[in-house]
């Protein structure tokens, strides 16, 4: 299945997340490939000429310039090398774009608000952010996020989905700290698989992680707390404070999870081998070992993290490796 503009196919593509077909959601046909060459921010000199550069003849392709060029061309695949891409000005996606990082630990987005327009699509794979307010995505078209580690402070959430938006997020950690703001705010359609949602109103004071006034479907994910309409569970989720009211097969209401956050790099957490979230998902369920074959940091799934001789996938964004 190819991802093209349009609400109907957008829903099909997002639904494919739960069917293990997320990898098939790519820009239609063979899009132009653009490579970012500088961390400096700036507009493209001549959008639509097939060349990404801020200065004619110099090949200085910024992330903003790549998005400008891709929008003008209608579709493009953008490769972002290691670096810290700062900037507070928003960027608008109007075409069918993908942004791909070589390794999740190497590409950091600054305080950028990237908006996906209605009818447009954006796939983002392997980026992280931590800061005020942090990288955020406003979705009115289609958004697919994989291997994201996004933590914001004080203001709006990390993924905000409007009434016409469809967002599918997998193997990602989305968190928000300070202020009663959810990591994911949804008025449209959201699918989460093997994703961890966290939010604190103050240090060690948890608050809503998912605010939902639309359609939300969750599978194999950790939800710290929920507000609004409860999500539909496909099973094997952890509802830390019980507010999400999950009751499908494998769900674990009110299961506390100890998170260790290191903000010097991509924000992460670790599960102890004794956690009931480790190896909780049988192979073949919710894409474990088929559609889902790695975790937030690229660790293979499934592994025998608890050492009982049977490999399974862990609930949430991380997969615990077995002790050496």
Protein backbone atom coordinates (compact mmCIF):
# COMPACT_ATOMS: atom_id res chain seq x y z
CA UNK A 1 0.00 0.00 0.00
CA UNK A 2 1.34 3.42 -0.96
CA UNK A 3 0.60 6.57 1.01
CA UNK A 4 -1.03 9.31 -1.03
CA UNK A 5 -2.88 12.48 -0.16
CA UNK A 6 -6.53 12.11 0.81
CA UNK A 7 -8.44 11.32 3.97
CA UNK A 8 -9.60 7.83 2.97
CA UNK A 9 -6.15 6.43 2.17
CA UNK A 10 -4.72 8.30 5.15
CA UNK A 11 -7.01 6.33 7.45
CA UNK A 12 -6.06 3.08 5.72
CA UNK A 13 -2.37 3.87 6.10
CA UNK A 14 -2.72 4.74 9.78
CA UNK A 15 -4.81 1.62 10.36
CA UNK A 16 -1.95 -0.38 8.86
CA UNK A 17 0.06 0.41 11.98
CA UNK A 18 -1.98 -2.08 13.96
CA UNK A 19 -1.90 -4.63 11.16
CA UNK A 20 1.89 -4.69 11.00
CA UNK A 21 2.08 -2.81 7.71
CA UNK A 22 3.51 0.52 8.84
CA UNK A 23 6.62 0.03 6.73
CA UNK A 24 4.46 0.15 3.61
CA UNK A 25 3.34 3.70 4.33
CA UNK A 26 5.77 5.67 2.21
CA UNK A 27 5.40 8.54 -0.28
CA UNK A 28 3.80 7.45 -3.54
CA UNK A 29 5.97 6.30 -6.46
CA UNK A 30 9.70 7.21 -6.31
CA UNK A 31 10.03 10.63 -4.70
CA UNK A 32 13.03 12.91 -5.09
CA UNK A 33 15.70 12.29 -2.45
CA UNK A 34 17.04 15.36 -0.65
CA UNK A 35 19.87 15.42 1.89
CA UNK A 36 20.25 18.12 4.53
CA UNK A 37 23.83 19.46 4.60
CA UNK A 38 23.76 22.17 7.29
CA UNK A 39 22.33 22.74 10.77
CA UNK A 40 21.80 26.42 9.88
CA UNK A 41 18.18 27.41 9.38
CA UNK A 42 17.01 29.10 6.17
CA UNK A 43 14.58 29.04 3.25
CA UNK A 44 15.18 27.33 -0.07
CA UNK A 45 16.47 29.74 -2.75
CA UNK A 46 14.18 28.48 -5.53
CA UNK A 47 11.54 25.95 -4.47
CA UNK A 48 10.64 23.52 -7.23
CA UNK A 49 13.93 23.55 -9.15
CA UNK A 50 14.90 20.12 -7.82
CA UNK A 51 17.83 21.50 -5.81
CA UNK A 52 17.82 22.06 -2.05
CA UNK A 53 20.02 25.05 -1.16
CA UNK A 54 19.66 28.34 0.65
CA UNK A 55 22.34 30.02 -1.46
CA UNK A 56 22.34 29.34 -5.24
CA UNK A 57 25.30 27.23 -6.23
CA UNK A 58 26.50 26.43 -2.69
CA UNK A 59 24.37 23.35 -1.95
CA UNK A 60 23.66 24.54 1.62
CA UNK A 61 20.50 22.52 2.23
CA UNK A 62 18.82 23.25 5.56
CA UNK A 63 15.94 21.20 6.97
CA UNK A 64 13.59 24.10 6.24
CA UNK A 65 14.92 24.41 2.68
CA UNK A 66 14.44 20.68 2.16
CA UNK A 67 10.82 20.94 3.28
CA UNK A 68 10.33 24.00 1.02
CA UNK A 69 11.72 22.09 -1.96
CA UNK A 70 9.78 18.92 -1.16
CA UNK A 71 6.51 20.83 -0.88
CA UNK A 72 7.10 22.49 -4.25
CA UNK A 73 7.88 19.13 -5.86
CA UNK A 74 4.87 17.49 -4.22
CA UNK A 75 6.79 14.56 -2.72
CA UNK A 76 10.29 13.89 -1.43
CA UNK A 77 12.32 11.77 0.94
CA UNK A 78 14.56 13.91 3.19
CA UNK A 79 17.67 12.46 4.86
CA UNK A 80 18.93 14.30 7.94
CA UNK A 81 22.50 13.56 9.11
CA UNK A 82 23.72 13.81 12.70
CA UNK A 83 23.31 17.27 14.21
CA UNK A 84 21.21 19.64 16.29
CA UNK A 85 18.68 21.42 14.12
CA UNK A 86 17.59 24.47 16.08
CA UNK A 87 14.94 27.04 15.30
CA UNK A 88 11.67 28.27 16.78
CA UNK A 89 9.86 29.25 13.59
CA UNK A 90 7.17 26.82 12.43
CA UNK A 91 7.42 24.80 9.22
CA UNK A 92 4.49 23.70 7.05
CA UNK A 93 4.24 20.40 5.16
CA UNK A 94 1.90 20.52 2.16
CA UNK A 95 3.15 17.55 0.10
CA UNK A 96 3.93 13.87 0.74
CA UNK A 97 7.20 13.98 2.71
CA UNK A 98 9.37 11.70 4.79
CA UNK A 99 12.15 12.79 7.16
CA UNK A 100 14.66 10.07 7.97
CA UNK A 101 17.51 10.12 10.46
CA UNK A 102 20.50 7.83 10.13
CA UNK A 103 20.36 6.97 13.85
CA UNK A 104 17.89 8.14 16.52
CA UNK A 105 20.68 9.20 18.89
CA UNK A 106 22.30 11.54 16.39
CA UNK A 107 19.53 13.83 15.11
CA UNK A 108 18.06 16.38 17.50
CA UNK A 109 15.30 18.77 16.52
CA UNK A 110 15.21 22.09 18.33
CA UNK A 111 12.10 24.00 19.30
CA UNK A 112 10.32 23.45 16.01
CA UNK A 113 6.59 23.32 15.34
CA UNK A 114 6.02 21.30 12.18
CA UNK A 115 2.47 21.45 10.83
CA UNK A 116 1.08 18.83 8.43
CA UNK A 117 -1.61 20.48 6.34
CA UNK A 118 -4.91 18.80 5.52
CA UNK A 119 -4.37 16.48 2.54
CA UNK A 120 -0.60 16.32 3.16
CA UNK A 121 1.42 13.51 4.73
CA UNK A 122 4.62 13.31 6.77
CA UNK A 123 6.60 10.30 7.97
CA UNK A 124 9.32 10.96 10.56
CA UNK A 125 11.75 8.25 11.63
CA UNK A 126 14.45 8.47 14.29
CA UNK A 127 14.64 11.99 15.78
CA UNK A 128 14.65 13.32 19.34
CA UNK A 129 14.19 16.57 21.21
CA UNK A 130 14.31 17.92 24.72
CA UNK A 131 13.68 21.54 25.56
CA UNK A 132 11.31 24.46 25.80
CA UNK A 133 8.94 23.78 24.15
CA UNK A 134 10.65 20.98 22.21
CA UNK A 135 9.84 19.60 18.78
CA UNK A 136 6.10 19.33 18.14
CA UNK A 137 3.90 18.11 15.31
CA UNK A 138 0.49 19.59 14.53
CA UNK A 139 -1.43 17.18 12.33
CA UNK A 140 -4.30 18.10 10.02
CA UNK A 141 -3.36 15.54 7.34
CA UNK A 142 -1.49 12.27 7.96
CA UNK A 143 1.46 11.77 10.32
CA UNK A 144 3.47 8.59 10.88
CA UNK A 145 6.13 8.68 13.60
CA UNK A 146 8.66 5.95 14.39
CA UNK A 147 11.57 5.87 16.85
CA UNK A 148 10.73 9.32 18.24
CA UNK A 149 11.96 10.53 21.62
CA UNK A 150 10.24 13.88 22.14
CA UNK A 151 10.08 15.68 25.48
CA UNK A 152 8.69 19.19 25.76
CA UNK A 153 8.41 21.66 28.60
CA UNK A 154 5.66 24.06 29.65
CA UNK A 155 3.67 24.62 26.44
CA UNK A 156 1.70 22.57 23.91
CA UNK A 157 2.00 18.78 23.59
CA UNK A 158 4.39 16.90 21.33
CA UNK A 159 1.80 15.51 18.90
CA UNK A 160 -1.38 17.56 18.44
CA UNK A 161 -3.98 16.10 16.08
CA UNK A 162 -6.78 18.27 14.68
CA UNK A 163 -10.26 17.07 13.67
CA UNK A 164 -9.11 16.15 10.13
CA UNK A 165 -5.82 14.65 11.25
CA UNK A 166 -4.67 11.01 11.38
CA UNK A 167 -1.56 10.09 13.37
CA UNK A 168 0.11 6.71 13.78
CA UNK A 169 3.02 6.46 16.26
CA UNK A 170 5.16 3.39 16.93
CA UNK A 171 8.20 2.56 19.09
CA UNK A 172 8.27 6.10 20.46
CA UNK A 173 8.53 7.96 23.77
CA UNK A 174 6.44 11.14 23.96
CA UNK A 175 6.54 13.13 27.18
CA UNK A 176 5.65 16.53 28.57
CA UNK A 177 6.92 18.18 31.74
CA UNK A 178 5.50 21.16 33.69
CA UNK A 179 2.01 22.49 33.01
CA UNK A 180 -1.18 20.48 32.60
CA UNK A 181 -0.45 19.61 28.97
CA UNK A 182 -0.77 16.14 27.46
CA UNK A 183 2.03 14.62 25.39
CA UNK A 184 -0.62 13.71 22.79
CA UNK A 185 -3.74 15.84 22.25
CA UNK A 186 -6.23 14.37 19.81
CA UNK A 187 -9.39 15.62 18.13
CA UNK A 188 -9.01 13.39 15.06
CA UNK A 189 -7.72 9.81 14.77
CA UNK A 190 -4.70 8.43 16.63
CA UNK A 191 -3.12 4.98 16.61
CA UNK A 192 -0.38 4.11 19.11
CA UNK A 193 1.65 0.91 19.19
CA UNK A 194 4.61 0.12 21.45
CA UNK A 195 4.66 3.76 22.49
CA UNK A 196 5.12 5.31 25.95
CA UNK A 197 3.20 8.48 26.87
CA UNK A 198 4.26 10.42 29.97
CA UNK A 199 3.38 13.79 31.44
CA UNK A 200 4.15 15.64 34.68
CA UNK A 201 2.64 18.90 35.95
CA UNK A 202 5.61 19.26 38.33
CA UNK A 203 8.58 17.15 39.32
CA UNK A 204 7.27 13.67 40.20
CA UNK A 205 3.63 14.84 39.94
CA UNK A 206 2.03 12.92 37.05
CA UNK A 207 -0.79 14.40 35.00
CA UNK A 208 -2.66 13.53 31.80
CA UNK A 209 -0.46 12.00 29.08
CA UNK A 210 -3.25 11.50 26.51
CA UNK A 211 -6.07 13.98 26.02
CA UNK A 212 -8.58 12.53 23.58
CA UNK A 213 -11.72 14.06 22.10
CA UNK A 214 -11.56 12.00 18.91
CA UNK A 215 -10.78 8.37 18.07
CA UNK A 216 -7.75 6.84 19.80
CA UNK A 217 -6.63 3.21 19.48
CA UNK A 218 -3.75 1.85 21.57
CA UNK A 219 -1.78 -1.38 21.43
CA UNK A 220 1.20 -2.59 23.47
CA UNK A 221 1.71 0.90 24.90
CA UNK A 222 2.33 2.59 28.26
CA UNK A 223 -0.13 5.37 29.10
CA UNK A 224 0.59 7.31 32.26
CA UNK A 225 -2.89 8.83 32.38
CA UNK A 226 -5.85 9.76 30.18
CA UNK A 227 -8.34 12.62 29.99
CA UNK A 228 -11.46 12.97 27.86
CA UNK A 229 -12.81 10.04 25.86
CA UNK A 230 -11.10 6.78 26.74
CA UNK A 231 -9.03 5.08 24.06
CA UNK A 232 -9.93 1.76 22.44
CA UNK A 233 -7.50 -0.94 23.53
CA UNK A 234 -6.21 -3.64 21.18
CA UNK A 235 -4.56 -5.25 24.19
CA UNK A 236 -1.30 -5.45 26.14
CA UNK A 237 -1.23 -1.87 27.37
CA UNK A 238 -0.22 -0.48 30.76
CA UNK A 239 -2.54 2.15 32.25
CA UNK A 240 -0.37 3.46 35.06
CA UNK A 241 -2.96 5.36 37.12
CA UNK A 242 -6.12 3.59 35.92
CA UNK A 243 -7.68 6.66 34.27
CA UNK A 244 -7.58 5.12 30.78
CA UNK A 245 -9.91 2.31 31.90
CA UNK A 246 -8.31 -0.32 29.67
CA UNK A 247 -9.69 -3.84 29.91
CA UNK A 248 -8.64 -5.78 26.80
CA UNK A 249 -6.57 -8.96 26.82
CA UNK A 250 -3.14 -8.39 28.35
CA UNK A 251 -3.92 -4.89 29.65
CA UNK A 252 -2.39 -4.06 33.03
CA UNK A 253 -4.33 -1.27 34.77
CA UNK A 254 -2.56 0.72 37.47
CA UNK A 255 0.82 -0.95 36.92
CA UNK A 256 3.51 1.50 38.16
CA UNK A 257 6.62 1.94 36.05
CA UNK A 258 9.87 3.49 37.27
CA UNK A 259 11.34 5.75 34.62
CA UNK A 260 14.94 6.92 34.59
CA UNK A 261 15.29 9.94 32.33
CA UNK A 262 18.64 11.05 30.92
CA UNK A 263 18.26 14.38 29.11
CA UNK A 264 21.87 14.49 27.88
CA UNK A 265 20.77 12.45 24.89
CA UNK A 266 17.51 10.96 23.62
CA UNK A 267 15.21 10.66 26.61
CA UNK A 268 14.73 7.03 27.58
CA UNK A 269 13.80 4.76 30.46
CA UNK A 270 14.62 1.27 31.68
CA UNK A 271 12.47 -1.58 32.92
CA UNK A 272 13.71 -4.07 35.51
CA UNK A 273 13.66 -7.76 34.50
CA UNK A 274 10.98 -8.33 37.16
CA UNK A 275 8.55 -5.87 35.59
CA UNK A 276 5.33 -7.49 34.34
CA UNK A 277 5.72 -5.36 31.21
CA UNK A 278 8.79 -7.37 30.14
CA UNK A 279 8.08 -10.20 27.65
CA UNK A 280 4.37 -9.56 28.21
CA UNK A 281 3.37 -9.68 24.51
CA UNK A 282 3.48 -13.11 22.83
CA UNK A 283 5.18 -13.42 19.46
CA UNK A 284 2.67 -12.76 16.68
CA UNK A 285 0.36 -10.60 18.84
CA UNK A 286 0.01 -6.90 17.94
CA UNK A 287 2.84 -7.31 15.43
CA UNK A 288 5.37 -8.65 17.94
CA UNK A 289 8.21 -10.11 15.89
CA UNK A 290 6.42 -9.47 12.61
CA UNK A 291 5.39 -5.85 12.03
CA UNK A 292 7.31 -4.72 15.14
CA UNK A 293 10.90 -5.96 15.01
CA UNK A 294 12.82 -3.31 16.97
CA UNK A 295 12.33 -0.76 19.76
CA UNK A 296 12.86 2.96 20.37
CA UNK A 297 16.64 2.65 20.03
CA UNK A 298 16.75 -0.09 17.39
CA UNK A 299 17.10 -3.01 19.82
CA UNK A 300 15.64 -6.16 18.23
CA UNK A 301 12.22 -7.44 19.28
CA UNK A 302 11.37 -9.91 20.71
CA UNK A 303 14.00 -10.77 23.33
CA UNK A 304 13.91 -12.91 26.45
CA UNK A 305 14.36 -9.98 28.83
CA UNK A 306 13.23 -11.77 31.99
CA UNK A 307 15.37 -14.84 31.39
CA UNK A 308 12.59 -17.43 31.54
CA UNK A 309 13.62 -19.02 28.25
CA UNK A 310 10.68 -17.62 26.27
CA UNK A 311 11.11 -14.49 24.16
CA UNK A 312 8.32 -11.93 24.04
CA UNK A 313 7.91 -8.24 23.30
CA UNK A 314 7.85 -5.67 26.09
CA UNK A 315 4.95 -3.29 26.53
CA UNK A 316 5.96 0.26 25.64
CA UNK A 317 8.76 1.82 23.61
CA UNK A 318 11.71 -0.12 25.08
CA UNK A 319 12.78 -3.75 24.78
CA UNK A 320 14.84 -5.07 27.68
CA UNK A 321 17.87 -7.03 26.55
CA UNK A 322 18.66 -10.21 28.50
CA UNK A 323 21.36 -10.03 31.14
CA UNK A 324 24.81 -11.07 29.84
